Amino acid sequence: MSESSEPESYFRKVFRDVARGYTKISMDKKSAFIKHLTQHDQVELDDIEDGYFKKAESRGLPTEKEILELLKEQGVWSDQDEEDIEDTKLYLQTLNEAKRTIILKSQIDAQNELISKTEKELEEKLLDRYKVLGNTAEKYAKEKTNDHYIIRAFFHDDKFENAIFTEKDFWEMDDRHLQKAIKIYNSYYSMFSEENIRHLCLQDFFYSYFPFAESPVDFFGRSIVELTYNQLRLIVYTKIFKNIFERNENIPVHLRKDPDALLDYGNISDAAKEKIKEKMDVDGATSFVGATQEDLDYLSLREKKEGDSVRTVSLADEAKKKGGSLNMDDLMRLQGMDVGD
């Protein structure tokens, strides 16, 4: 991710709608309102999905577990395939945890590439699984429940008292009107994506709201249990970015509008930052093995004072001095660590 291509005015509208808890739209040349769902709405939808699942099961539609057992017997799927998925999930988790211990930007970028590659591998494995599963009770329940997201989202009024669709209306709707409703809903959904919520938090106009992020009542005028999902995400990310700015005085300017890069910067552990500070020489110089100039700019954890200098160490050059290779003690010495005689 990088800075958003959308203008600030776009994010002002996103913020307005998040704060309101609805989005005003035009539907069939009339004003309509899309309600932003809350945790309570989600609980009701979960109950609906559970009801559809039990209905499908009672009619003989197999569950995922039953289908997988059959596929294993037929040799189409195996326990090893399931283990591969779980192993990939665990590896992805490990990669993300390990990123917190990385200091140099070039290494963080390389780790992000590895994470992205692993995420794609996991997506492919899950897609393969989804394809071989076919029609299951879980799939039927989820697809039927998706329709209810639309039924419960559209209203004639901003108080959500007069729904546009009843279940009967929705099921009897012709394909053209149904696809139109789905398109409108999906357009709304993308406007309030995780990415857009993050970018909203880093808009210049939004910084004035940072002091109020600790209290949902001050921010939205209602308790946290009454907030929509969009409002909850906005509060959470506002607190996260506020914390990053407060804990890091010298964040490079080019990171301040890039949510992912800023999160990476903020996620560098305190222990890792302490290691950086420990490498500060008494004369103001700092030594980092393999660091590029971009890395050093990225690690500007304090204001550079007059007379300070930064030394970068080329591993290749150091290896040449040692006859072509470096052992662990050599690397530790280059990092300024005492390894004894």
Protein backbone atom coordinates (compact mmCIF):
# COMPACT_ATOMS: atom_id res chain seq x y z
CA MET A 1 0.00 0.00 0.00
CA SER A 2 1.05 3.62 -0.45
CA GLU A 3 -0.55 7.04 -0.25
CA SER A 4 -4.12 7.00 -1.50
CA SER A 5 -4.89 8.47 -4.91
CA GLU A 6 -8.25 9.74 -3.59
CA PRO A 7 -8.47 13.46 -2.68
CA GLU A 8 -9.03 14.62 0.88
CA SER A 9 -12.62 15.57 0.00
CA TYR A 10 -13.34 11.87 -0.65
CA PHE A 11 -12.20 10.93 2.85
CA ARG A 12 -14.24 13.76 4.35
CA LYS A 13 -17.31 12.03 2.90
CA VAL A 14 -16.14 8.67 4.21
CA PHE A 15 -15.74 10.19 7.67
CA ARG A 16 -19.13 11.90 7.51
CA ASP A 17 -20.87 8.63 6.70
CA VAL A 18 -18.92 6.64 9.29
CA ALA A 19 -19.89 9.22 11.93
CA ARG A 20 -23.54 9.16 10.86
CA GLY A 21 -23.72 5.40 10.73
CA TYR A 22 -25.35 5.37 7.29
CA THR A 23 -24.81 6.32 3.67
CA LYS A 24 -27.39 8.29 1.73
CA ILE A 25 -27.89 7.08 -1.84
CA SER A 26 -30.24 7.49 -4.78
CA MET A 27 -32.27 4.43 -5.69
CA ASP A 28 -34.95 4.44 -8.42
CA LYS A 29 -34.69 8.26 -8.44
CA LYS A 30 -35.55 8.40 -4.73
CA SER A 31 -33.44 8.97 -1.65
CA ALA A 32 -32.55 5.85 0.26
CA PHE A 33 -30.25 4.99 3.16
CA ILE A 34 -27.80 2.14 3.63
CA LYS A 35 -27.44 1.28 7.29
CA HIS A 36 -23.95 0.50 8.58
CA LEU A 37 -24.18 -2.76 10.48
CA THR A 38 -23.47 -3.13 14.19
CA GLN A 39 -22.34 -6.03 16.35
CA HIS A 40 -25.99 -6.64 17.27
CA ASP A 41 -26.92 -6.89 13.58
CA GLN A 42 -24.10 -9.39 13.10
CA VAL A 43 -25.37 -11.58 15.94
CA GLU A 44 -28.79 -11.72 14.29
CA LEU A 45 -27.21 -12.59 10.95
CA ASP A 46 -25.17 -15.31 12.62
CA ASP A 47 -28.41 -16.75 14.01
CA ILE A 48 -29.92 -16.66 10.51
CA GLU A 49 -26.88 -18.47 9.09
CA ASP A 50 -27.13 -21.09 11.80
CA GLY A 51 -30.79 -21.57 10.93
CA TYR A 52 -30.02 -22.08 7.24
CA PHE A 53 -27.25 -24.52 8.14
CA LYS A 54 -29.59 -26.66 10.24
CA LYS A 55 -32.21 -26.51 7.49
CA ALA A 56 -29.70 -27.65 4.86
CA GLU A 57 -28.42 -30.42 7.13
CA SER A 58 -31.97 -31.67 7.81
CA ARG A 59 -32.54 -31.91 4.06
CA GLY A 60 -29.52 -34.12 3.61
CA LEU A 61 -26.98 -31.61 2.31
CA PRO A 62 -23.56 -32.83 3.51
CA THR A 63 -21.34 -30.77 5.79
CA GLU A 64 -17.75 -29.82 4.96
CA LYS A 65 -16.47 -32.49 7.36
CA GLU A 66 -18.54 -35.19 5.66
CA ILE A 67 -17.47 -34.10 2.16
CA LEU A 68 -13.80 -34.02 3.18
CA GLU A 69 -14.00 -37.56 4.56
CA LEU A 70 -15.53 -38.73 1.27
CA LEU A 71 -12.90 -36.90 -0.80
CA LYS A 72 -10.12 -38.50 1.26
CA GLU A 73 -11.58 -41.95 0.57
CA GLN A 74 -11.66 -41.12 -3.15
CA GLY A 75 -8.09 -39.81 -3.11
CA VAL A 76 -9.17 -36.33 -4.24
CA TRP A 77 -8.11 -34.68 -0.96
CA SER A 78 -5.91 -35.87 1.88
CA ASP A 79 -4.90 -35.23 5.47
CA GLN A 80 -1.64 -33.89 4.05
CA ASP A 81 -3.58 -31.25 2.08
CA GLU A 82 -5.24 -30.14 5.32
CA GLU A 83 -1.90 -30.11 7.11
CA ASP A 84 -0.38 -28.01 4.33
CA ILE A 85 -3.06 -25.37 4.87
CA GLU A 86 -2.52 -25.32 8.64
CA ASP A 87 1.26 -25.26 8.21
CA THR A 88 1.00 -22.31 5.80
CA LYS A 89 -1.22 -20.43 8.29
CA LEU A 90 1.30 -21.09 11.06
CA TYR A 91 4.22 -20.03 8.84
CA LEU A 92 2.39 -16.81 7.95
CA GLN A 93 1.84 -16.09 11.62
CA THR A 94 5.53 -16.70 12.31
CA LEU A 95 6.57 -14.34 9.50
CA ASN A 96 4.39 -11.56 10.88
CA GLU A 97 5.70 -12.05 14.40
CA ALA A 98 9.30 -12.11 13.17
CA LYS A 99 8.81 -8.81 11.35
CA ARG A 100 8.59 -7.03 14.70
CA THR A 101 12.22 -7.90 15.42
CA ILE A 102 13.53 -6.53 12.10
CA ILE A 103 15.14 -3.11 12.13
CA LEU A 104 16.27 -2.19 8.62
CA LYS A 105 13.67 -1.03 6.09
CA SER A 106 15.23 -3.08 3.30
CA GLN A 107 14.80 -6.19 5.44
CA ILE A 108 11.22 -5.23 6.36
CA ASP A 109 10.44 -4.80 2.65
CA ALA A 110 11.92 -8.23 1.93
CA GLN A 111 9.87 -9.72 4.78
CA ASN A 112 6.71 -8.07 3.42
CA GLU A 113 7.37 -9.66 0.02
CA LEU A 114 7.72 -13.05 1.67
CA ILE A 115 4.50 -12.47 3.66
CA SER A 116 2.66 -11.43 0.49
CA LYS A 117 3.91 -14.51 -1.34
CA THR A 118 2.83 -16.78 1.52
CA GLU A 119 -0.60 -15.12 1.67
CA LYS A 120 -1.10 -15.85 -2.02
CA GLU A 121 -0.03 -19.46 -1.50
CA LEU A 122 -2.57 -19.78 1.32
CA GLU A 123 -5.30 -18.22 -0.84
CA GLU A 124 -4.55 -20.73 -3.60
CA LYS A 125 -4.65 -23.67 -1.17
CA LEU A 126 -7.97 -22.48 0.29
CA LEU A 127 -9.38 -21.94 -3.21
CA ASP A 128 -8.41 -25.49 -4.17
CA ARG A 129 -10.16 -26.72 -1.06
CA TYR A 130 -13.25 -24.64 -1.80
CA LYS A 131 -13.45 -26.02 -5.35
CA VAL A 132 -13.25 -29.67 -4.36
CA LEU A 133 -15.76 -29.25 -1.55
CA GLY A 134 -18.57 -28.32 -3.90
CA ASN A 135 -21.99 -27.62 -2.40
CA THR A 136 -22.05 -28.06 1.37
CA ALA A 137 -24.45 -27.10 4.16
CA GLU A 138 -22.01 -24.37 5.24
CA LYS A 139 -21.77 -22.92 1.72
CA TYR A 140 -25.55 -22.94 1.29
CA ALA A 141 -26.05 -21.22 4.66
CA LYS A 142 -23.48 -18.52 3.93
CA GLU A 143 -24.87 -17.74 0.46
CA LYS A 144 -28.44 -17.48 1.74
CA THR A 145 -27.31 -15.28 4.64
CA ASN A 146 -25.51 -12.91 2.25
CA ASP A 147 -28.92 -11.95 0.86
CA HIS A 148 -29.99 -10.86 4.33
CA TYR A 149 -27.11 -8.39 4.54
CA ILE A 150 -28.80 -6.52 1.69
CA ILE A 151 -32.32 -6.94 3.08
CA ARG A 152 -31.21 -5.43 6.40
CA ALA A 153 -29.15 -2.62 4.89
CA PHE A 154 -31.62 -0.63 2.72
CA PHE A 155 -34.10 1.81 4.29
CA HIS A 156 -36.38 4.64 3.21
CA ASP A 157 -35.39 6.72 6.25
CA ASP A 158 -32.26 7.52 8.28
CA LYS A 159 -33.88 6.22 11.46
CA PHE A 160 -34.03 2.71 9.93
CA GLU A 161 -37.72 2.30 10.68
CA ASN A 162 -39.00 1.71 7.13
CA ALA A 163 -37.13 -1.05 5.30
CA ILE A 164 -37.10 -1.00 1.49
CA PHE A 165 -37.12 -4.79 1.15
CA THR A 166 -39.12 -7.41 2.96
CA GLU A 167 -37.90 -10.97 2.61
CA LYS A 168 -40.85 -11.72 0.32
CA ASP A 169 -40.08 -8.71 -1.89
CA PHE A 170 -36.44 -9.71 -2.10
CA TRP A 171 -37.08 -13.31 -3.11
CA GLU A 172 -39.59 -12.22 -5.76
CA MET A 173 -37.39 -9.47 -7.20
CA ASP A 174 -36.38 -9.89 -10.85
CA ASP A 175 -32.70 -10.37 -11.64
CA ARG A 176 -32.22 -6.83 -13.00
CA HIS A 177 -33.39 -5.14 -9.79
CA LEU A 178 -31.59 -7.70 -7.65
CA GLN A 179 -28.26 -7.12 -9.42
CA LYS A 180 -28.77 -3.36 -9.11
CA ALA A 181 -29.26 -3.64 -5.34
CA ILE A 182 -26.20 -5.87 -5.02
CA LYS A 183 -24.08 -3.46 -7.09
CA ILE A 184 -25.12 -0.49 -4.93
CA TYR A 185 -24.37 -2.42 -1.73
CA ASN A 186 -20.96 -3.59 -2.97
CA SER A 187 -20.08 -0.04 -3.99
CA TYR A 188 -20.91 1.15 -0.47
CA TYR A 189 -18.97 -1.74 1.05
CA SER A 190 -15.78 -0.88 -0.86
CA MET A 191 -16.02 2.77 0.21
CA PHE A 192 -15.57 1.68 3.83
CA SER A 193 -12.86 -0.90 3.24
CA GLU A 194 -10.10 -1.51 5.78
CA GLU A 195 -7.71 0.31 3.45
CA ASN A 196 -9.89 3.42 3.24
CA ILE A 197 -10.43 3.51 7.01
CA ARG A 198 -6.66 3.46 7.49
CA HIS A 199 -6.10 6.20 4.92
CA LEU A 200 -8.83 8.30 6.53
CA CYS A 201 -6.95 8.27 9.84
CA LEU A 202 -3.90 9.85 8.17
CA GLN A 203 -5.67 12.72 6.41
CA ASP A 204 -4.58 16.19 7.57
CA PHE A 205 -8.11 17.23 8.57
CA PHE A 206 -8.49 14.13 10.76
CA TYR A 207 -5.54 14.81 13.08
CA SER A 208 -7.68 17.21 15.13
CA TYR A 209 -9.81 14.22 16.18
CA PHE A 210 -6.87 12.22 17.58
CA PRO A 211 -7.22 13.56 21.17
CA PHE A 212 -10.77 12.17 21.39
CA ALA A 213 -9.95 8.62 20.24
CA GLU A 214 -9.77 7.29 23.81
CA SER A 215 -13.49 7.90 24.38
CA PRO A 216 -16.19 6.64 21.95
CA VAL A 217 -18.70 8.89 23.70
CA ASP A 218 -16.58 11.98 23.00
CA PHE A 219 -15.92 10.78 19.46
CA PHE A 220 -19.32 9.52 18.32
CA GLY A 221 -21.65 10.53 21.14
CA ARG A 222 -22.58 6.94 22.00
CA SER A 223 -21.20 4.03 24.00
CA ILE A 224 -18.91 1.49 22.38
CA VAL A 225 -21.57 -1.26 22.38
CA GLU A 226 -23.74 0.93 20.14
CA LEU A 227 -21.07 1.61 17.52
CA THR A 228 -21.17 0.29 13.97
CA TYR A 229 -18.34 -1.89 12.69
CA ASN A 230 -17.03 1.06 10.66
CA GLN A 231 -16.99 3.27 13.75
CA LEU A 232 -15.21 0.61 15.78
CA ARG A 233 -12.53 0.19 13.11
CA LEU A 234 -12.05 3.94 12.89
CA ILE A 235 -11.63 4.24 16.67
CA VAL A 236 -9.16 1.33 16.75
CA TYR A 237 -6.97 2.60 13.91
CA THR A 238 -7.06 6.16 15.22
CA LYS A 239 -5.72 4.94 18.56
CA ILE A 240 -3.07 2.81 16.84
CA PHE A 241 -1.74 5.65 14.66
CA LYS A 242 -1.99 8.14 17.53
CA ASN A 243 0.14 5.81 19.62
CA ILE A 244 2.72 5.43 16.85
CA PHE A 245 3.06 9.21 16.44
CA GLU A 246 3.35 9.74 20.20
CA ARG A 247 6.03 7.05 20.65
CA ASN A 248 8.15 8.00 17.63
CA GLU A 249 9.19 11.64 17.36
CA ASN A 250 11.18 11.50 14.13
CA ILE A 251 9.06 9.45 11.74
CA PRO A 252 10.25 10.01 8.14
CA VAL A 253 7.86 12.35 6.33
CA HIS A 254 7.23 9.95 3.43
CA LEU A 255 5.81 7.35 5.85
CA ARG A 256 3.22 9.59 7.47
CA LYS A 257 0.58 9.10 4.75
CA ASP A 258 1.27 5.42 4.05
CA PRO A 259 -0.74 3.28 6.53
CA ASP A 260 1.05 -0.01 5.93
CA ALA A 261 4.53 1.53 6.04
CA LEU A 262 3.60 3.48 9.16
CA LEU A 263 2.28 0.33 10.85
CA ASP A 264 5.52 -1.48 9.96
CA TYR A 265 7.51 1.41 11.43
CA GLY A 266 5.41 1.43 14.58
CA ASN A 267 5.62 -2.33 14.94
CA ILE A 268 9.38 -2.34 15.33
CA SER A 269 9.61 -3.63 18.88
CA ASP A 270 10.93 -1.51 21.73
CA ALA A 271 13.65 -4.11 22.22
CA ALA A 272 14.80 -3.65 18.63
CA LYS A 273 14.82 0.13 19.05
CA GLU A 274 16.89 -0.23 22.20
CA LYS A 275 19.43 -2.26 20.23
CA ILE A 276 19.69 0.63 17.77
CA LYS A 277 20.29 3.12 20.57
CA GLU A 278 22.93 0.86 22.10
CA LYS A 279 24.86 1.03 18.82
CA MET A 280 25.15 4.81 19.10
CA ASP A 281 28.86 5.65 19.51
CA VAL A 282 29.99 8.30 21.95
CA ASP A 283 31.17 10.44 19.00
CA GLY A 284 27.68 10.44 17.48
CA ALA A 285 28.36 7.83 14.83
CA THR A 286 26.27 4.75 14.33
CA SER A 287 27.25 1.45 12.71
CA PHE A 288 24.77 -0.84 10.98
CA VAL A 289 25.80 -3.95 9.09
CA GLY A 290 24.48 -3.96 5.53
CA ALA A 291 22.43 -0.77 5.96
CA THR A 292 21.58 1.39 2.96
CA GLN A 293 21.10 5.15 3.13
CA GLU A 294 17.33 4.57 2.93
CA ASP A 295 17.60 2.26 5.94
CA LEU A 296 19.43 4.91 7.91
CA ASP A 297 16.86 7.58 7.04
CA TYR A 298 14.15 5.12 8.09
CA LEU A 299 15.82 4.63 11.48
CA SER A 300 15.91 8.32 12.41
CA LEU A 301 14.95 7.65 16.01
CA ARG A 302 16.48 10.90 17.24
CA GLU A 303 17.26 14.28 15.77
CA LYS A 304 20.67 14.23 14.11
CA LYS A 305 23.00 16.64 15.93
CA GLU A 306 25.70 18.73 14.33
CA GLY A 307 28.84 16.65 13.91
CA ASP A 308 26.99 13.34 13.97
CA SER A 309 27.93 10.83 11.30
CA VAL A 310 26.63 7.51 10.12
CA ARG A 311 28.77 4.60 9.05
CA THR A 312 27.51 1.83 6.83
CA VAL A 313 29.35 -1.46 6.69
CA SER A 314 29.64 -3.51 3.51
CA LEU A 315 29.63 -7.20 4.36
CA ALA A 316 31.33 -7.95 1.04
CA ASP A 317 34.23 -5.59 1.83
CA GLU A 318 34.61 -6.98 5.33
CA ALA A 319 34.58 -10.52 3.98
CA LYS A 320 37.39 -9.69 1.58
CA LYS A 321 39.48 -8.49 4.52
CA LYS A 322 38.90 -11.85 6.19
CA GLY A 323 39.82 -13.93 3.17
CA GLY A 324 36.39 -14.19 1.59
CA SER A 325 34.05 -15.17 4.43
CA LEU A 326 32.76 -14.04 7.82
CA ASN A 327 31.94 -16.25 10.77
CA MET A 328 29.42 -15.50 13.53
CA ASP A 329 32.04 -13.84 15.74
CA ASP A 330 33.00 -11.54 12.87
CA LEU A 331 29.39 -10.49 12.38
CA MET A 332 28.94 -9.85 16.09
CA ARG A 333 32.08 -7.70 16.20
CA LEU A 334 30.82 -5.67 13.22
CA GLN A 335 27.64 -4.98 15.24
CA GLY A 336 29.77 -3.69 18.10
CA MET A 337 29.23 -6.72 20.35
CA ASP A 338 31.91 -7.99 22.68
CA VAL A 339 32.71 -11.63 21.81
CA GLY A 340 35.86 -11.97 23.88
CA ASP A 341 39.26 -13.17 22.67
